[in-house]
Amino acid sequence: MGPTGGKNQTAQTTRQGRVAAVVMAVSGVLAIVAPWLTNIIGLPIRFEMLLYLIALAGFAWALVVTYQIWRKRRDN
């Protein structure tokens, strides 16, 4: 690993953390506004459940990414 290898790895880890944070925030907002959004548009309840599942998938993805970041930092 060269002299900039550690900095590049840190920048990549930081970027992954930021993306995970954005996904968590968007998932949370989606879960909160799902009932309001489906009511305003007049969609059936199944679309609200679909939005909840999308938010849940976002939370699960962010959990996996943050676990990978934690493991990577722990190994260094």
C-alpha atoms as a PDB file:
ATOM      1  CA  MET A   1       0.000   0.000   0.000  1.00  0.00           C
ATOM      2  CA  GLY A   2       1.447   3.368  -1.030  1.00  0.00           C
ATOM      3  CA  PRO A   3       1.638   6.546   0.997  1.00  0.00           C
ATOM      4  CA  THR A   4      -1.816   7.672  -0.167  1.00  0.00           C
ATOM      5  CA  GLY A   5      -3.424   4.235   0.216  1.00  0.00           C
ATOM      6  CA  GLY A   6      -4.558   4.879   3.775  1.00  0.00           C
ATOM      7  CA  LYS A   7      -6.019   8.269   2.896  1.00  0.00           C
ATOM      8  CA  ASN A   8      -7.873   6.807  -0.069  1.00  0.00           C
ATOM      9  CA  GLN A   9      -9.293   4.032   2.128  1.00  0.00           C
ATOM     10  CA  THR A  10     -10.393   6.569   4.747  1.00  0.00           C
ATOM     11  CA  ALA A  11     -12.052   8.720   2.081  1.00  0.00           C
ATOM     12  CA  GLN A  12     -13.895   5.683   0.731  1.00  0.00           C
ATOM     13  CA  THR A  13     -15.064   4.679   4.204  1.00  0.00           C
ATOM     14  CA  THR A  14     -16.209   8.230   4.893  1.00  0.00           C
ATOM     15  CA  ARG A  15     -18.145   8.287   1.625  1.00  0.00           C
ATOM     16  CA  GLN A  16     -19.795   4.957   2.472  1.00  0.00           C
ATOM     17  CA  GLY A  17     -20.801   6.332   5.864  1.00  0.00           C
ATOM     18  CA  ARG A  18     -22.333   9.420   4.302  1.00  0.00           C
ATOM     19  CA  VAL A  19     -24.299   7.371   1.785  1.00  0.00           C
ATOM     20  CA  ALA A  20     -25.561   5.097   4.557  1.00  0.00           C
ATOM     21  CA  ALA A  21     -26.608   8.143   6.603  1.00  0.00           C
ATOM     22  CA  VAL A  22     -28.516   9.623   3.666  1.00  0.00           C
ATOM     23  CA  VAL A  23     -30.257   6.301   3.006  1.00  0.00           C
ATOM     24  CA  MET A  24     -31.246   6.063   6.687  1.00  0.00           C
ATOM     25  CA  ALA A  25     -32.619   9.610   6.664  1.00  0.00           C
ATOM     26  CA  VAL A  26     -34.577   9.125   3.438  1.00  0.00           C
ATOM     27  CA  SER A  27     -35.937   5.798   4.683  1.00  0.00           C
ATOM     28  CA  GLY A  28     -37.098   7.403   7.910  1.00  0.00           C
ATOM     29  CA  VAL A  29     -38.794  10.271   6.116  1.00  0.00           C
ATOM     30  CA  LEU A  30     -40.435   7.834   3.688  1.00  0.00           C
ATOM     31  CA  ALA A  31     -41.798   5.756   6.563  1.00  0.00           C
ATOM     32  CA  ILE A  32     -43.166   8.872   8.250  1.00  0.00           C
ATOM     33  CA  VAL A  33     -44.823  10.399   5.176  1.00  0.00           C
ATOM     34  CA  ALA A  34     -46.121   7.127   3.676  1.00  0.00           C
ATOM     35  CA  PRO A  35     -49.601   7.348   5.282  1.00  0.00           C
ATOM     36  CA  TRP A  36     -49.956  11.031   4.426  1.00  0.00           C
ATOM     37  CA  LEU A  37     -48.774  10.530   0.861  1.00  0.00           C
ATOM     38  CA  THR A  38     -51.118   7.647   0.135  1.00  0.00           C
ATOM     39  CA  ASN A  39     -54.027   9.564   1.675  1.00  0.00           C
ATOM     40  CA  ILE A  40     -53.359  12.692  -0.389  1.00  0.00           C
ATOM     41  CA  ILE A  41     -52.953  10.780  -3.650  1.00  0.00           C
ATOM     42  CA  GLY A  42     -55.809   8.414  -2.817  1.00  0.00           C
ATOM     43  CA  LEU A  43     -53.861   5.199  -3.211  1.00  0.00           C
ATOM     44  CA  PRO A  44     -54.958   1.918  -1.640  1.00  0.00           C
ATOM     45  CA  ILE A  45     -53.364   0.678   1.572  1.00  0.00           C
ATOM     46  CA  ARG A  46     -51.203  -1.803  -0.330  1.00  0.00           C
ATOM     47  CA  PHE A  47     -49.162   1.086  -1.735  1.00  0.00           C
ATOM     48  CA  GLU A  48     -48.587   2.383   1.782  1.00  0.00           C
ATOM     49  CA  MET A  49     -47.304  -1.057   2.742  1.00  0.00           C
ATOM     50  CA  LEU A  50     -45.076  -1.014  -0.354  1.00  0.00           C
ATOM     51  CA  LEU A  51     -43.584   2.298   0.786  1.00  0.00           C
ATOM     52  CA  TYR A  52     -43.005   0.800   4.243  1.00  0.00           C
ATOM     53  CA  LEU A  53     -41.232  -2.191   2.686  1.00  0.00           C
ATOM     54  CA  ILE A  54     -39.045   0.119   0.595  1.00  0.00           C
ATOM     55  CA  ALA A  55     -38.146   2.056   3.757  1.00  0.00           C
ATOM     56  CA  LEU A  56     -37.423  -1.204   5.581  1.00  0.00           C
ATOM     57  CA  ALA A  57     -35.153  -2.327   2.742  1.00  0.00           C
ATOM     58  CA  GLY A  58     -33.296   0.988   2.984  1.00  0.00           C
ATOM     59  CA  PHE A  59     -32.809   0.537   6.719  1.00  0.00           C
ATOM     60  CA  ALA A  60     -31.591  -3.040   6.227  1.00  0.00           C
ATOM     61  CA  TRP A  61     -29.130  -1.960   3.510  1.00  0.00           C
ATOM     62  CA  ALA A  62     -27.805   0.851   5.711  1.00  0.00           C
ATOM     63  CA  LEU A  63     -27.398  -1.590   8.612  1.00  0.00           C
ATOM     64  CA  VAL A  64     -25.315  -3.923   6.458  1.00  0.00           C
ATOM     65  CA  VAL A  65     -23.160  -1.058   5.177  1.00  0.00           C
ATOM     66  CA  THR A  66     -22.552   0.365   8.653  1.00  0.00           C
ATOM     67  CA  TYR A  67     -21.623  -3.116   9.887  1.00  0.00           C
ATOM     68  CA  GLN A  68     -19.113  -3.401   7.047  1.00  0.00           C
ATOM     69  CA  ILE A  69     -17.681   0.015   7.931  1.00  0.00           C
ATOM     70  CA  TRP A  70     -17.408  -1.006  11.580  1.00  0.00           C
ATOM     71  CA  ARG A  71     -15.606  -4.233  10.653  1.00  0.00           C
ATOM     72  CA  LYS A  72     -13.247  -2.402   8.299  1.00  0.00           C
ATOM     73  CA  ARG A  73     -12.313   0.175  10.962  1.00  0.00           C
ATOM     74  CA  ARG A  74     -11.943  -2.509  13.626  1.00  0.00           C
ATOM     75  CA  ASP A  75      -9.565  -4.519  11.430  1.00  0.00           C
ATOM     76  CA  ASN A  76      -7.345  -1.476  10.863  1.00  0.00           C
END
